[in-house]
Amino acid sequence: MDRQDTYVKTEKGSEEIRERKYKLPQAMRSLLNMIDGTTTAGAFLSEATALGDVASMLAELEKQGFIKKTEARPQPPPPPVKEPVKEQAPSGDGALIDVAHLFQTPDEDKGKKDK
């Protein structure tokens, strides 16, 4: 199991939630009820610790056919785009001082030094 895996209920899983047909233990049934197709396995591992060994329960629910992995994995948001700072601040004598370098990341500074 990868922490980025997401799961959906199968028909069997939905049947268990509706009818308690398969008589799952309460902790597993609670976890099954939380499966929504968007929450990652990592989130369950972090947030559902009160239920017990979440990793084992997810594996068992999948093995018994109550859940299955979704095909698509959630993609992390792209990093924010940093625009270069083009402002200048006045110095004490009225001349302008370029302050753009104060707002650049170390990688950007290194690139300028290497040129």
N, C-alpha and C. Protein backbone atom coordinates (compact mmCIF):
# COMPACT_ATOMS: atom_id res chain seq x y z
N MET A 1 0.84 -1.18 0.00
CA MET A 1 0.00 0.00 0.00
C MET A 1 0.89 1.24 0.00
N ASP A 2 0.58 2.14 -0.88
CA ASP A 2 1.26 3.42 -0.97
C ASP A 2 0.41 4.45 -0.22
N ARG A 3 1.05 5.37 0.46
CA ARG A 3 0.31 6.39 1.22
C ARG A 3 -0.56 7.27 0.33
N GLN A 4 -0.27 7.33 -0.97
CA GLN A 4 -1.06 8.14 -1.89
C GLN A 4 -2.23 7.38 -2.51
N ASP A 5 -2.35 6.08 -2.22
CA ASP A 5 -3.47 5.29 -2.75
C ASP A 5 -4.79 5.84 -2.21
N THR A 6 -5.80 5.83 -3.07
CA THR A 6 -7.16 6.13 -2.62
C THR A 6 -8.03 4.93 -2.94
N TYR A 7 -9.09 4.77 -2.20
CA TYR A 7 -9.96 3.61 -2.32
C TYR A 7 -11.41 4.04 -2.50
N VAL A 8 -12.16 3.17 -3.16
CA VAL A 8 -13.61 3.33 -3.27
C VAL A 8 -14.24 2.04 -2.76
N LYS A 9 -15.48 2.16 -2.29
CA LYS A 9 -16.21 0.96 -1.88
C LYS A 9 -16.65 0.20 -3.12
N THR A 10 -16.60 -1.10 -3.04
CA THR A 10 -17.17 -1.94 -4.09
C THR A 10 -18.65 -2.12 -3.78
N GLU A 11 -19.35 -2.82 -4.63
CA GLU A 11 -20.76 -3.12 -4.36
C GLU A 11 -20.88 -3.89 -3.04
N LYS A 12 -19.94 -4.82 -2.82
CA LYS A 12 -19.93 -5.60 -1.58
C LYS A 12 -19.75 -4.67 -0.37
N GLY A 13 -18.86 -3.68 -0.50
CA GLY A 13 -18.64 -2.73 0.59
C GLY A 13 -19.87 -1.89 0.87
N SER A 14 -20.52 -1.43 -0.19
CA SER A 14 -21.75 -0.64 -0.02
C SER A 14 -22.86 -1.48 0.62
N GLU A 15 -22.92 -2.75 0.23
CA GLU A 15 -23.90 -3.68 0.80
C GLU A 15 -23.66 -3.85 2.30
N GLU A 16 -22.40 -3.96 2.70
CA GLU A 16 -22.09 -4.10 4.13
C GLU A 16 -22.53 -2.85 4.90
N ILE A 17 -22.31 -1.68 4.32
CA ILE A 17 -22.71 -0.44 5.00
C ILE A 17 -24.23 -0.38 5.13
N ARG A 18 -24.94 -0.73 4.07
CA ARG A 18 -26.40 -0.66 4.08
C ARG A 18 -27.04 -1.71 4.98
N GLU A 19 -26.54 -2.95 4.91
CA GLU A 19 -27.26 -4.07 5.52
C GLU A 19 -26.52 -4.82 6.62
N ARG A 20 -25.25 -4.49 6.81
CA ARG A 20 -24.41 -5.24 7.77
C ARG A 20 -24.41 -6.74 7.45
N LYS A 21 -24.46 -7.03 6.18
CA LYS A 21 -24.60 -8.41 5.70
C LYS A 21 -23.42 -9.31 6.05
N TYR A 22 -22.21 -8.76 6.03
CA TYR A 22 -21.01 -9.58 6.21
C TYR A 22 -20.46 -9.54 7.63
N LYS A 23 -21.12 -8.79 8.49
CA LYS A 23 -20.79 -8.75 9.92
C LYS A 23 -19.31 -8.42 10.20
N LEU A 24 -18.82 -7.37 9.56
CA LEU A 24 -17.44 -6.93 9.81
C LEU A 24 -17.29 -6.46 11.25
N PRO A 25 -16.10 -6.61 11.82
CA PRO A 25 -15.84 -6.03 13.14
C PRO A 25 -16.07 -4.50 13.08
N GLN A 26 -16.47 -3.94 14.20
CA GLN A 26 -16.86 -2.52 14.23
C GLN A 26 -15.77 -1.59 13.71
N ALA A 27 -14.52 -1.81 14.07
CA ALA A 27 -13.44 -0.91 13.62
C ALA A 27 -13.29 -0.97 12.10
N MET A 28 -13.37 -2.17 11.54
CA MET A 28 -13.25 -2.29 10.08
C MET A 28 -14.46 -1.67 9.38
N ARG A 29 -15.62 -1.85 9.96
CA ARG A 29 -16.83 -1.26 9.37
C ARG A 29 -16.75 0.27 9.44
N SER A 30 -16.23 0.79 10.54
CA SER A 30 -16.06 2.25 10.66
C SER A 30 -15.11 2.77 9.59
N LEU A 31 -14.00 2.06 9.40
CA LEU A 31 -13.04 2.46 8.36
C LEU A 31 -13.68 2.36 6.98
N LEU A 32 -14.41 1.28 6.73
CA LEU A 32 -15.10 1.11 5.46
C LEU A 32 -16.07 2.27 5.21
N ASN A 33 -16.74 2.69 6.24
CA ASN A 33 -17.69 3.80 6.13
C ASN A 33 -16.98 5.11 5.76
N MET A 34 -15.72 5.24 6.14
CA MET A 34 -14.95 6.46 5.86
C MET A 34 -14.41 6.50 4.43
N ILE A 35 -14.37 5.37 3.76
CA ILE A 35 -13.82 5.30 2.40
C ILE A 35 -14.70 6.13 1.47
N ASP A 36 -14.08 7.13 0.81
CA ASP A 36 -14.87 8.05 -0.01
C ASP A 36 -14.32 8.27 -1.42
N GLY A 37 -13.22 7.60 -1.75
CA GLY A 37 -12.66 7.75 -3.09
C GLY A 37 -11.73 8.93 -3.25
N THR A 38 -11.61 9.77 -2.23
CA THR A 38 -10.71 10.93 -2.32
C THR A 38 -9.67 10.97 -1.21
N THR A 39 -9.99 10.43 -0.05
CA THR A 39 -9.06 10.45 1.07
C THR A 39 -7.96 9.42 0.83
N THR A 40 -6.72 9.83 1.01
CA THR A 40 -5.60 8.92 0.76
C THR A 40 -5.39 7.96 1.93
N ALA A 41 -4.71 6.87 1.63
CA ALA A 41 -4.36 5.90 2.67
C ALA A 41 -3.52 6.58 3.74
N GLY A 42 -2.62 7.47 3.32
CA GLY A 42 -1.80 8.20 4.29
C GLY A 42 -2.64 9.01 5.26
N ALA A 43 -3.70 9.62 4.77
CA ALA A 43 -4.58 10.40 5.65
C ALA A 43 -5.27 9.48 6.64
N PHE A 44 -5.74 8.31 6.18
CA PHE A 44 -6.35 7.36 7.11
C PHE A 44 -5.35 6.90 8.15
N LEU A 45 -4.11 6.63 7.72
CA LEU A 45 -3.07 6.18 8.66
C LEU A 45 -2.81 7.24 9.73
N SER A 46 -2.92 8.51 9.35
CA SER A 46 -2.66 9.59 10.30
C SER A 46 -3.86 9.93 11.16
N GLU A 47 -5.05 9.88 10.58
CA GLU A 47 -6.24 10.41 11.24
C GLU A 47 -7.14 9.37 11.89
N ALA A 48 -7.01 8.11 11.52
CA ALA A 48 -7.92 7.09 12.05
C ALA A 48 -7.21 6.13 12.98
N THR A 49 -6.19 6.59 13.66
CA THR A 49 -5.39 5.72 14.52
C THR A 49 -6.20 5.11 15.67
N ALA A 50 -7.27 5.77 16.08
CA ALA A 50 -8.08 5.24 17.17
C ALA A 50 -8.75 3.92 16.79
N LEU A 51 -8.86 3.65 15.50
CA LEU A 51 -9.49 2.40 15.05
C LEU A 51 -8.57 1.20 15.19
N GLY A 52 -7.27 1.43 15.31
CA GLY A 52 -6.32 0.31 15.41
C GLY A 52 -5.34 0.33 14.26
N ASP A 53 -4.95 -0.85 13.79
CA ASP A 53 -3.97 -1.00 12.72
C ASP A 53 -4.63 -0.73 11.37
N VAL A 54 -4.67 0.53 10.98
CA VAL A 54 -5.38 0.96 9.78
C VAL A 54 -4.80 0.31 8.53
N ALA A 55 -3.49 0.20 8.44
CA ALA A 55 -2.87 -0.40 7.26
C ALA A 55 -3.34 -1.84 7.07
N SER A 56 -3.37 -2.61 8.14
CA SER A 56 -3.84 -4.00 8.05
C SER A 56 -5.32 -4.07 7.69
N MET A 57 -6.09 -3.17 8.26
CA MET A 57 -7.53 -3.18 7.97
C MET A 57 -7.80 -2.81 6.51
N LEU A 58 -7.07 -1.81 5.98
CA LEU A 58 -7.24 -1.46 4.57
C LEU A 58 -6.89 -2.65 3.68
N ALA A 59 -5.78 -3.31 4.01
CA ALA A 59 -5.35 -4.47 3.23
C ALA A 59 -6.40 -5.58 3.30
N GLU A 60 -6.95 -5.79 4.46
CA GLU A 60 -7.96 -6.85 4.63
C GLU A 60 -9.26 -6.50 3.91
N LEU A 61 -9.68 -5.24 4.00
CA LEU A 61 -10.89 -4.82 3.29
C LEU A 61 -10.72 -4.99 1.77
N GLU A 62 -9.52 -4.67 1.29
CA GLU A 62 -9.25 -4.84 -0.14
C GLU A 62 -9.22 -6.34 -0.51
N LYS A 63 -8.55 -7.12 0.31
CA LYS A 63 -8.43 -8.56 0.05
C LYS A 63 -9.80 -9.24 0.01
N GLN A 64 -10.69 -8.82 0.90
CA GLN A 64 -12.02 -9.42 0.96
C GLN A 64 -13.00 -8.81 -0.05
N GLY A 65 -12.56 -7.81 -0.79
CA GLY A 65 -13.41 -7.26 -1.85
C GLY A 65 -14.38 -6.17 -1.43
N PHE A 66 -14.15 -5.57 -0.25
CA PHE A 66 -15.03 -4.48 0.19
C PHE A 66 -14.63 -3.13 -0.41
N ILE A 67 -13.35 -2.99 -0.73
CA ILE A 67 -12.84 -1.76 -1.33
C ILE A 67 -11.88 -2.12 -2.47
N LYS A 68 -11.64 -1.14 -3.32
CA LYS A 68 -10.60 -1.31 -4.35
C LYS A 68 -9.92 0.03 -4.56
N LYS A 69 -8.68 -0.04 -5.01
CA LYS A 69 -7.93 1.19 -5.27
C LYS A 69 -8.53 1.91 -6.46
N THR A 70 -8.53 3.22 -6.39
CA THR A 70 -8.98 4.00 -7.53
C THR A 70 -7.82 4.10 -8.50
N GLU A 71 -8.13 4.34 -9.74
CA GLU A 71 -7.09 4.45 -10.77
C GLU A 71 -6.31 5.75 -10.66
N ALA A 72 -7.03 6.83 -10.44
CA ALA A 72 -6.37 8.14 -10.41
C ALA A 72 -5.85 8.43 -9.01
N ARG A 73 -4.67 8.99 -8.96
CA ARG A 73 -4.10 9.43 -7.69
C ARG A 73 -4.19 10.94 -7.61
N PRO A 74 -4.46 11.46 -6.44
CA PRO A 74 -4.52 12.92 -6.32
C PRO A 74 -3.16 13.52 -6.64
N GLN A 75 -3.14 14.57 -7.42
CA GLN A 75 -1.90 15.24 -7.78
C GLN A 75 -1.67 16.42 -6.84
N PRO A 76 -0.44 16.58 -6.38
CA PRO A 76 -0.17 17.74 -5.52
C PRO A 76 -0.30 19.02 -6.34
N PRO A 77 -0.68 20.10 -5.67
CA PRO A 77 -0.81 21.36 -6.41
C PRO A 77 0.56 21.81 -6.91
N PRO A 78 0.59 22.51 -8.04
CA PRO A 78 1.88 22.98 -8.55
C PRO A 78 2.47 24.02 -7.61
N PRO A 79 3.79 24.14 -7.57
CA PRO A 79 4.39 25.14 -6.69
C PRO A 79 4.03 26.54 -7.18
N PRO A 80 3.95 27.49 -6.26
CA PRO A 80 3.60 28.85 -6.67
C PRO A 80 4.69 29.43 -7.57
N VAL A 81 4.27 30.23 -8.51
CA VAL A 81 5.21 30.88 -9.43
C VAL A 81 5.69 32.16 -8.78
N LYS A 82 7.00 32.31 -8.69
CA LYS A 82 7.57 33.53 -8.10
C LYS A 82 7.92 34.49 -9.23
N GLU A 83 7.35 35.64 -9.15
CA GLU A 83 7.67 36.68 -10.12
C GLU A 83 8.86 37.46 -9.58
N PRO A 84 9.79 37.86 -10.44
CA PRO A 84 10.92 38.65 -9.95
C PRO A 84 10.45 40.01 -9.45
N VAL A 85 11.08 40.46 -8.40
CA VAL A 85 10.75 41.76 -7.83
C VAL A 85 11.44 42.83 -8.65
N LYS A 86 10.68 43.82 -9.08
CA LYS A 86 11.24 44.85 -9.93
C LYS A 86 11.21 46.22 -9.26
N GLU A 87 10.94 46.22 -7.98
CA GLU A 87 10.87 47.49 -7.27
C GLU A 87 12.26 47.90 -6.80
N GLN A 88 12.42 49.19 -6.64
CA GLN A 88 13.67 49.73 -6.12
C GLN A 88 13.33 50.66 -4.97
N ALA A 89 14.22 50.70 -4.00
CA ALA A 89 14.01 51.56 -2.84
C ALA A 89 14.97 52.73 -2.91
N PRO A 90 14.52 53.91 -2.48
CA PRO A 90 15.42 55.05 -2.50
C PRO A 90 16.50 54.92 -1.43
N SER A 91 17.71 55.35 -1.76
CA SER A 91 18.78 55.37 -0.77
C SER A 91 18.71 56.71 -0.05
N GLY A 92 19.57 56.90 0.91
CA GLY A 92 19.58 58.14 1.67
C GLY A 92 19.91 59.36 0.83
N ASP A 93 20.65 59.21 -0.26
CA ASP A 93 21.04 60.35 -1.08
C ASP A 93 20.13 60.56 -2.29
N GLY A 94 18.98 59.88 -2.31
CA GLY A 94 18.04 60.05 -3.41
C GLY A 94 18.25 59.06 -4.54
N ALA A 95 19.39 58.33 -4.57
CA ALA A 95 19.63 57.34 -5.62
C ALA A 95 18.80 56.10 -5.32
N LEU A 96 18.52 55.33 -6.33
CA LEU A 96 17.74 54.11 -6.14
C LEU A 96 18.67 52.92 -5.90
N ILE A 97 18.25 52.03 -5.01
CA ILE A 97 18.99 50.82 -4.70
C ILE A 97 18.16 49.63 -5.18
N ASP A 98 18.79 48.73 -5.93
CA ASP A 98 18.09 47.54 -6.42
C ASP A 98 17.95 46.55 -5.26
N VAL A 99 16.71 46.23 -4.89
CA VAL A 99 16.46 45.31 -3.77
C VAL A 99 15.92 43.96 -4.24
N ALA A 100 15.89 43.72 -5.54
CA ALA A 100 15.32 42.48 -6.07
C ALA A 100 16.03 41.25 -5.52
N HIS A 101 17.35 41.33 -5.32
CA HIS A 101 18.10 40.17 -4.83
C HIS A 101 17.68 39.74 -3.43
N LEU A 102 17.04 40.61 -2.68
CA LEU A 102 16.61 40.27 -1.33
C LEU A 102 15.44 39.28 -1.34
N PHE A 103 14.73 39.20 -2.46
CA PHE A 103 13.54 38.37 -2.55
C PHE A 103 13.72 37.14 -3.43
N GLN A 104 14.94 36.81 -3.76
CA GLN A 104 15.20 35.66 -4.60
C GLN A 104 15.57 34.46 -3.73
N THR A 105 15.24 33.28 -4.24
CA THR A 105 15.59 32.06 -3.51
C THR A 105 17.08 31.79 -3.70
N PRO A 106 17.69 31.00 -2.84
CA PRO A 106 19.12 30.68 -2.98
C PRO A 106 19.44 30.08 -4.35
N ASP A 107 18.52 29.29 -4.92
CA ASP A 107 18.76 28.71 -6.24
C ASP A 107 18.85 29.79 -7.31
N GLU A 108 18.00 30.81 -7.21
CA GLU A 108 18.03 31.89 -8.18
C GLU A 108 19.33 32.68 -8.05
N ASP A 109 19.75 32.93 -6.79
CA ASP A 109 21.01 33.65 -6.56
C ASP A 109 22.18 32.86 -7.13
N LYS A 110 22.19 31.54 -6.91
CA LYS A 110 23.30 30.71 -7.41
C LYS A 110 23.37 30.77 -8.92
N GLY A 111 22.21 30.73 -9.59
CA GLY A 111 22.17 30.78 -11.04
C GLY A 111 22.79 32.06 -11.57
N LYS A 112 22.59 33.16 -10.88
CA LYS A 112 23.17 34.42 -11.34
C LYS A 112 24.68 34.44 -11.14
N LYS A 113 25.14 33.82 -10.06
CA LYS A 113 26.58 33.80 -9.78
C LYS A 113 27.32 32.91 -10.77
N ASP A 114 26.62 31.82 -11.20
CA ASP A 114 27.25 30.88 -12.13
C ASP A 114 27.40 31.44 -13.53
N LYS A 115 26.64 32.48 -13.87
CA LYS A 115 26.67 33.03 -15.23
C LYS A 115 27.87 33.89 -15.47
